[in-house]
């Protein structure tokens, strides 16, 4: 009798890479990038992604990355020349330079949508390529407008902006001709937002208190009053407030990002049947990020490969899918329909703009 997968069973992801293996790739990438004055970084990205994608498994099958270094290099060159041209125009025509930032803002959604399409199409699973159907207008609404809404609401509407963003990204993502869909509930997103905003508010209060302490201490140290020489005290107050707040804000951002990831992925379906899942622990992931940063700094960067593998193993291991039936049936159906994106098509399609 053939065993069938229980409907409630989560097929977890698995990362099979090793720090020692990746170190060899990483050190060569670093050296060649330095020798070529950064040009090789495009090929370095390809080698890095092929290693991490190729060692990320779901249902005993890995992902593949098919981009070429020249595609990435050309995309970066286009963006670089574009921004250099803006700087030159701003120098010779200052009035026109005032308009150019708005032109960049209008170009950004197109670059984002093209970048997402490229990233999807150069990724495959079980020899079936992904695709992305999002438009530049959709990117403008979800990324630019959403970002402005979150910013001007002082973060209060950040969950709404996150919902716009992830619905745009994943509702336009395809696996062959099968669509992904997600509709994260705004209430759940706000529950993910609450710990982050609490940490931010507490951090802001502590930062202001530290700034006041630095202000008073610097005045006493210099033996001057505010009227005689307030500059040193003001600088001490600004740095004493800003640096702690940025550190706390970074922690809050990690907590929020993990919470939103869990909500979005747990609401996501492939082909209307196969439900994705994520159960990353916010505190655990924060510890991994912080300890990775400390170890990398203390070893002058030499433990960066270990840190990258450690983080990826946790993220992939806490991601999964509740498969309804067999994913092989989806693969066979896609191939039978003739809708799989082929490698030959990818060779002619697009560049990576680095967004």
Protein backbone atom coordinates (compact mmCIF):
# COMPACT_ATOMS: atom_id res chain seq x y z
CA UNK A 1 0.00 0.00 0.00
CA UNK A 2 1.42 3.37 -1.03
CA UNK A 3 1.89 5.91 1.72
CA UNK A 4 0.30 9.31 1.19
CA UNK A 5 1.43 12.53 2.83
CA UNK A 6 -0.93 13.66 5.55
CA UNK A 7 -2.64 16.93 4.76
CA UNK A 8 -1.34 18.51 7.97
CA UNK A 9 2.29 17.44 7.50
CA UNK A 10 4.73 20.22 6.69
CA UNK A 11 7.52 19.34 4.27
CA UNK A 12 10.34 21.43 5.70
CA UNK A 13 13.12 23.03 3.77
CA UNK A 14 16.68 21.86 4.30
CA UNK A 15 19.97 23.64 3.69
CA UNK A 16 22.83 21.21 3.01
CA UNK A 17 25.69 23.66 2.51
CA UNK A 18 28.76 23.72 4.75
CA UNK A 19 30.78 26.71 5.92
CA UNK A 20 34.06 25.10 4.81
CA UNK A 21 32.77 24.60 1.27
CA UNK A 22 31.42 28.11 1.01
CA UNK A 23 34.62 29.62 2.41
CA UNK A 24 36.50 28.52 -0.73
CA UNK A 25 33.92 30.21 -2.97
CA UNK A 26 33.81 33.31 -0.79
CA UNK A 27 37.55 33.92 -0.54
CA UNK A 28 38.05 33.53 -4.31
CA UNK A 29 35.15 35.91 -4.93
CA UNK A 30 36.70 38.49 -2.60
CA UNK A 31 40.18 38.26 -4.10
CA UNK A 32 39.04 38.39 -7.73
CA UNK A 33 36.69 41.28 -6.98
CA UNK A 34 39.59 43.26 -5.48
CA UNK A 35 41.96 42.41 -8.34
CA UNK A 36 39.39 43.42 -10.99
CA UNK A 37 38.42 46.64 -9.15
CA UNK A 38 34.91 45.33 -8.51
CA UNK A 39 34.08 44.05 -12.00
CA UNK A 40 34.18 40.39 -10.93
CA UNK A 41 31.52 41.07 -8.26
CA UNK A 42 28.87 40.27 -10.88
CA UNK A 43 30.29 36.77 -11.38
CA UNK A 44 30.83 36.51 -7.63
CA UNK A 45 27.09 37.01 -7.13
CA UNK A 46 26.37 34.20 -9.61
CA UNK A 47 28.74 31.78 -7.85
CA UNK A 48 27.34 32.70 -4.43
CA UNK A 49 23.71 32.31 -5.48
CA UNK A 50 24.33 29.04 -7.29
CA UNK A 51 25.86 27.63 -4.11
CA UNK A 52 23.07 28.78 -1.80
CA UNK A 53 20.24 27.95 -4.21
CA UNK A 54 21.76 24.58 -5.08
CA UNK A 55 21.97 23.61 -1.40
CA UNK A 56 18.42 24.72 -0.52
CA UNK A 57 16.10 21.71 -0.71
CA UNK A 58 12.36 21.20 -0.42
CA UNK A 59 10.86 17.75 -0.84
CA UNK A 60 14.40 16.46 -1.60
CA UNK A 61 14.82 18.71 -4.64
CA UNK A 62 17.02 21.80 -4.76
CA UNK A 63 16.64 25.15 -6.46
CA UNK A 64 18.91 26.34 -9.29
CA UNK A 65 20.19 29.77 -10.29
CA UNK A 66 20.80 30.37 -13.99
CA UNK A 67 21.90 34.00 -14.30
CA UNK A 68 25.16 34.87 -16.05
CA UNK A 69 27.72 37.31 -14.77
CA UNK A 70 27.53 39.48 -17.89
CA UNK A 71 23.78 40.02 -17.40
CA UNK A 72 24.39 41.28 -13.88
CA UNK A 73 27.36 43.41 -14.92
CA UNK A 74 25.42 45.10 -17.74
CA UNK A 75 22.49 45.82 -15.43
CA UNK A 76 24.78 47.39 -12.83
CA UNK A 77 26.57 49.41 -15.50
CA UNK A 78 23.26 50.82 -16.77
CA UNK A 79 22.25 51.94 -13.28
CA UNK A 80 25.74 53.34 -12.59
CA UNK A 81 25.81 55.37 -15.82
CA UNK A 82 22.28 56.58 -15.15
CA UNK A 83 23.15 57.99 -11.74
CA UNK A 84 26.46 59.46 -12.97
CA UNK A 85 24.57 61.23 -15.76
CA UNK A 86 22.17 62.67 -13.19
CA UNK A 87 25.08 64.04 -11.15
CA UNK A 88 26.69 65.64 -14.21
CA UNK A 89 23.43 67.25 -15.32
CA UNK A 90 22.86 68.55 -11.78
CA UNK A 91 26.28 70.26 -11.79
CA UNK A 92 25.83 72.05 -15.13
CA UNK A 93 22.07 72.65 -14.92
CA UNK A 94 21.16 73.13 -11.23
CA UNK A 95 17.51 73.94 -11.97
CA UNK A 96 17.12 70.76 -13.98
CA UNK A 97 18.84 68.93 -11.14
CA UNK A 98 15.86 69.78 -8.94
CA UNK A 99 13.58 67.85 -11.28
CA UNK A 100 15.82 64.81 -11.76
CA UNK A 101 15.14 63.21 -8.34
CA UNK A 102 11.48 62.97 -9.36
CA UNK A 103 12.54 61.35 -12.62
CA UNK A 104 14.51 58.79 -10.63
CA UNK A 105 11.44 58.17 -8.47
CA UNK A 106 9.42 57.48 -11.61
CA UNK A 107 12.11 55.18 -13.05
CA UNK A 108 12.51 53.21 -9.82
CA UNK A 109 9.27 51.17 -10.14
CA UNK A 110 10.25 50.05 -13.64
CA UNK A 111 13.69 49.02 -12.42
CA UNK A 112 12.16 47.15 -9.50
CA UNK A 113 9.64 45.26 -11.62
CA UNK A 114 12.30 44.32 -14.17
CA UNK A 115 14.67 43.24 -11.42
CA UNK A 116 12.02 41.01 -9.83
CA UNK A 117 11.20 39.50 -13.21
CA UNK A 118 14.85 38.76 -13.89
CA UNK A 119 15.39 37.20 -10.46
CA UNK A 120 12.34 34.98 -10.88
CA UNK A 121 13.17 33.83 -14.39
CA UNK A 122 16.74 32.82 -13.55
CA UNK A 123 15.49 30.65 -10.68
CA UNK A 124 14.18 27.13 -11.16
CA UNK A 125 12.96 24.20 -9.12
CA UNK A 126 12.82 20.70 -10.57
CA UNK A 127 13.75 22.17 -13.98
CA UNK A 128 10.71 24.46 -14.00
CA UNK A 129 11.48 28.17 -13.99
CA UNK A 130 9.71 30.84 -12.02
CA UNK A 131 8.31 34.01 -13.59
CA UNK A 132 7.07 37.40 -12.44
CA UNK A 133 4.18 39.28 -14.06
CA UNK A 134 4.14 42.48 -11.99
CA UNK A 135 3.97 45.86 -13.73
CA UNK A 136 5.83 49.09 -13.06
CA UNK A 137 2.59 50.72 -11.94
CA UNK A 138 2.05 47.98 -9.39
CA UNK A 139 5.58 48.54 -8.11
CA UNK A 140 4.93 52.28 -7.87
CA UNK A 141 1.81 51.81 -5.75
CA UNK A 142 3.18 49.06 -3.52
CA UNK A 143 6.75 50.27 -3.08
CA UNK A 144 6.84 54.05 -3.58
CA UNK A 145 3.36 54.96 -2.33
CA UNK A 146 3.49 52.29 0.35
CA UNK A 147 6.88 53.51 1.53
CA UNK A 148 5.66 57.09 1.72
CA UNK A 149 2.54 56.02 3.64
CA UNK A 150 4.65 54.14 6.18
CA UNK A 151 7.11 57.03 6.50
CA UNK A 152 4.64 59.89 6.92
CA UNK A 153 2.51 57.88 9.35
CA UNK A 154 5.63 57.41 11.51
CA UNK A 155 5.36 53.65 11.03
CA UNK A 156 1.75 53.37 12.21
CA UNK A 157 0.60 52.28 8.74
CA UNK A 158 3.68 50.12 8.07
CA UNK A 159 1.65 46.86 8.20
CA UNK A 160 -0.65 48.23 5.51
CA UNK A 161 2.37 49.11 3.36
CA UNK A 162 3.82 45.63 3.97
CA UNK A 163 0.56 44.07 2.82
CA UNK A 164 0.64 46.08 -0.40
CA UNK A 165 4.26 45.13 -1.02
CA UNK A 166 3.98 41.39 -0.48
CA UNK A 167 0.69 41.08 -2.31
CA UNK A 168 2.35 42.78 -5.30
CA UNK A 169 5.42 40.52 -5.16
CA UNK A 170 3.82 37.14 -4.53
CA UNK A 171 0.48 37.52 -6.32
CA UNK A 172 2.50 38.19 -9.48
CA UNK A 173 4.92 35.29 -8.96
CA UNK A 174 4.52 32.17 -11.10
CA UNK A 175 5.96 28.67 -11.04
CA UNK A 176 5.71 27.64 -14.68
CA UNK A 177 2.09 28.55 -15.40
CA UNK A 178 0.96 28.05 -11.79
CA UNK A 179 0.43 31.13 -9.69
CA UNK A 180 1.29 31.97 -6.12
CA UNK A 181 -1.19 33.93 -4.05
CA UNK A 182 -1.15 35.51 -0.61
CA UNK A 183 -3.63 37.62 1.29
CA UNK A 184 -2.10 38.34 4.72
CA UNK A 185 -4.64 39.64 7.19
CA UNK A 186 -4.02 43.15 8.39
CA UNK A 187 -4.80 42.14 11.98
CA UNK A 188 -2.03 39.52 11.96
CA UNK A 189 0.40 42.00 10.43
CA UNK A 190 -0.36 44.46 13.23
CA UNK A 191 0.27 41.72 15.77
CA UNK A 192 3.70 41.29 14.17
CA UNK A 193 4.14 45.08 14.29
CA UNK A 194 3.37 45.52 18.01
CA UNK A 195 6.62 44.00 19.41
CA UNK A 196 8.67 46.07 16.97
CA UNK A 197 6.95 49.35 17.83
CA UNK A 198 7.21 48.63 21.57
CA UNK A 199 10.95 48.04 21.21
CA UNK A 200 11.24 51.22 19.12
CA UNK A 201 9.40 53.37 21.67
CA UNK A 202 11.39 51.99 24.60
CA UNK A 203 14.59 52.48 22.62
CA UNK A 204 13.61 56.06 21.76
CA UNK A 205 13.03 56.87 25.44
CA UNK A 206 16.36 55.35 26.44
CA UNK A 207 18.14 57.16 23.59
CA UNK A 208 16.73 60.54 24.63
CA UNK A 209 17.80 59.90 28.21
CA UNK A 210 21.31 58.94 27.09
CA UNK A 211 21.49 62.02 24.89
CA UNK A 212 20.57 64.23 27.85
CA UNK A 213 23.21 62.51 29.97
CA UNK A 214 25.88 63.04 27.30
CA UNK A 215 24.84 66.67 26.99
CA UNK A 216 25.20 67.28 30.71
CA UNK A 217 28.41 65.24 31.04
CA UNK A 218 30.13 66.99 28.13
CA UNK A 219 29.27 70.38 29.63
CA UNK A 220 30.75 69.42 32.96
CA UNK A 221 33.85 67.95 31.31
CA UNK A 222 34.56 71.08 29.30
CA UNK A 223 33.77 73.38 32.20
CA UNK A 224 31.73 75.68 30.00
CA UNK A 225 28.16 76.90 29.96
CA UNK A 226 25.73 76.58 27.08
CA UNK A 227 26.14 80.31 26.32
CA UNK A 228 29.95 80.10 26.04
CA UNK A 229 30.39 76.99 23.90
CA UNK A 230 27.28 74.93 23.22
CA UNK A 231 28.70 73.17 20.13
CA UNK A 232 30.46 70.30 21.92
CA UNK A 233 27.43 69.62 24.10
CA UNK A 234 25.07 69.62 21.12
CA UNK A 235 27.30 67.21 19.18
CA UNK A 236 27.55 64.91 22.22
CA UNK A 237 23.77 64.99 22.63
CA UNK A 238 23.10 64.23 18.96
CA UNK A 239 25.50 61.29 18.78
CA UNK A 240 24.48 60.06 22.23
CA UNK A 241 20.87 59.96 21.08
CA UNK A 242 21.19 58.94 17.44
CA UNK A 243 23.57 55.98 17.71
CA UNK A 244 21.62 54.09 20.42
CA UNK A 245 18.35 54.78 18.61
CA UNK A 246 19.68 53.42 15.31
CA UNK A 247 20.85 50.27 17.08
CA UNK A 248 17.45 49.77 18.70
CA UNK A 249 15.66 50.57 15.44
CA UNK A 250 17.73 47.89 13.67
CA UNK A 251 16.64 45.36 16.29
CA UNK A 252 13.00 46.39 15.88
CA UNK A 253 13.31 46.09 12.09
CA UNK A 254 14.56 42.50 12.38
CA UNK A 255 11.70 41.59 14.74
CA UNK A 256 9.17 43.14 12.38
CA UNK A 257 10.64 41.55 9.26
CA UNK A 258 10.53 38.05 10.76
CA UNK A 259 6.99 38.51 12.03
CA UNK A 260 5.77 39.75 8.65
CA UNK A 261 7.56 36.90 6.87
CA UNK A 262 5.75 34.34 9.00
CA UNK A 263 2.36 35.98 8.39
CA UNK A 264 2.87 36.36 4.63
CA UNK A 265 4.23 32.87 3.99
CA UNK A 266 1.61 31.16 6.14
CA UNK A 267 -1.04 32.89 4.02
CA UNK A 268 0.58 31.87 0.72
CA UNK A 269 -0.67 29.20 -1.69
CA UNK A 270 0.86 27.66 -4.81
CA UNK A 271 -1.62 26.63 -7.47
CA UNK A 272 -4.41 27.26 -4.95
CA UNK A 273 -3.54 23.98 -3.18
CA UNK A 274 -0.07 23.81 -1.71
CA UNK A 275 0.27 26.05 1.35
CA UNK A 276 3.65 27.52 2.27
CA UNK A 277 4.71 27.89 5.88
CA UNK A 278 7.19 29.76 8.05
CA UNK A 279 7.76 29.44 11.80
CA UNK A 280 10.89 31.49 12.37
CA UNK A 281 11.39 32.62 15.94
CA UNK A 282 11.92 36.37 16.18
CA UNK A 283 14.20 36.29 19.23
CA UNK A 284 16.15 33.30 17.90
CA UNK A 285 16.71 34.91 14.50
CA UNK A 286 17.71 38.19 16.15
CA UNK A 287 20.31 36.30 18.20
CA UNK A 288 21.68 34.70 15.03
CA UNK A 289 21.95 38.07 13.27
CA UNK A 290 23.60 39.82 16.23
CA UNK A 291 26.01 37.01 17.06
CA UNK A 292 26.92 36.61 13.37
CA UNK A 293 27.73 40.31 13.19
CA UNK A 294 29.89 40.18 16.32
CA UNK A 295 31.78 37.07 15.22
CA UNK A 296 32.35 38.54 11.75
CA UNK A 297 33.69 41.78 13.21
CA UNK A 298 35.94 40.06 15.76
CA UNK A 299 37.47 37.83 13.06
CA UNK A 300 37.93 40.75 10.64
CA UNK A 301 35.44 39.20 8.23
CA UNK A 302 36.99 35.73 8.01
CA UNK A 303 33.99 34.08 9.68
CA UNK A 304 31.54 35.68 7.27
CA UNK A 305 31.04 32.40 5.32
CA UNK A 306 30.20 30.59 8.57
CA UNK A 307 27.75 33.34 9.50
CA UNK A 308 26.07 33.30 6.08
CA UNK A 309 25.65 29.50 6.11
CA UNK A 310 24.38 29.56 9.69
CA UNK A 311 21.73 32.17 8.89
CA UNK A 312 20.63 30.46 5.67
CA UNK A 313 20.34 27.08 7.40
CA UNK A 314 18.01 28.56 10.00
CA UNK A 315 15.84 30.43 7.47
CA UNK A 316 15.47 27.47 5.10
CA UNK A 317 14.97 25.00 7.95
CA UNK A 318 12.07 27.04 9.30
CA UNK A 319 10.37 27.34 5.91
CA UNK A 320 8.25 24.66 4.34
CA UNK A 321 5.18 23.65 2.43
CA UNK A 322 2.05 21.66 3.20
CA UNK A 323 1.85 19.70 -0.04
CA UNK A 324 -1.58 18.61 -1.24
CA UNK A 325 -0.78 15.42 -3.10
CA UNK A 326 2.53 15.41 -4.97
CA UNK A 327 4.51 18.34 -6.39
CA UNK A 328 5.61 15.98 -9.13
CA UNK A 329 2.05 16.10 -10.46
CA UNK A 330 2.34 19.88 -10.77
CA UNK A 331 5.64 19.50 -12.65
CA UNK A 332 4.15 16.94 -15.04
CA UNK A 333 1.10 19.12 -15.67
CA UNK A 334 3.24 22.18 -16.41
CA UNK A 335 5.43 20.23 -18.82
CA UNK A 336 2.38 18.76 -20.52
CA UNK A 337 0.95 22.25 -21.06
CA UNK A 338 4.20 23.40 -22.69
CA UNK A 339 4.30 26.51 -20.51
CA UNK A 340 7.63 25.96 -18.75
CA UNK A 341 10.07 28.85 -19.20
CA UNK A 342 13.09 27.45 -20.99
CA UNK A 343 16.76 28.20 -20.47
CA UNK A 344 17.05 29.33 -24.10
CA UNK A 345 14.46 32.04 -23.46
CA UNK A 346 16.30 33.16 -20.35
CA UNK A 347 19.54 33.66 -22.31
CA UNK A 348 17.85 36.53 -24.14
CA UNK A 349 15.76 37.98 -21.33
CA UNK A 350 16.78 40.97 -19.27
CA UNK A 351 19.45 42.17 -16.91
CA UNK A 352 19.80 42.33 -13.14
CA UNK A 353 19.58 45.96 -12.03
CA UNK A 354 20.57 45.15 -8.47
CA UNK A 355 17.22 45.98 -6.82
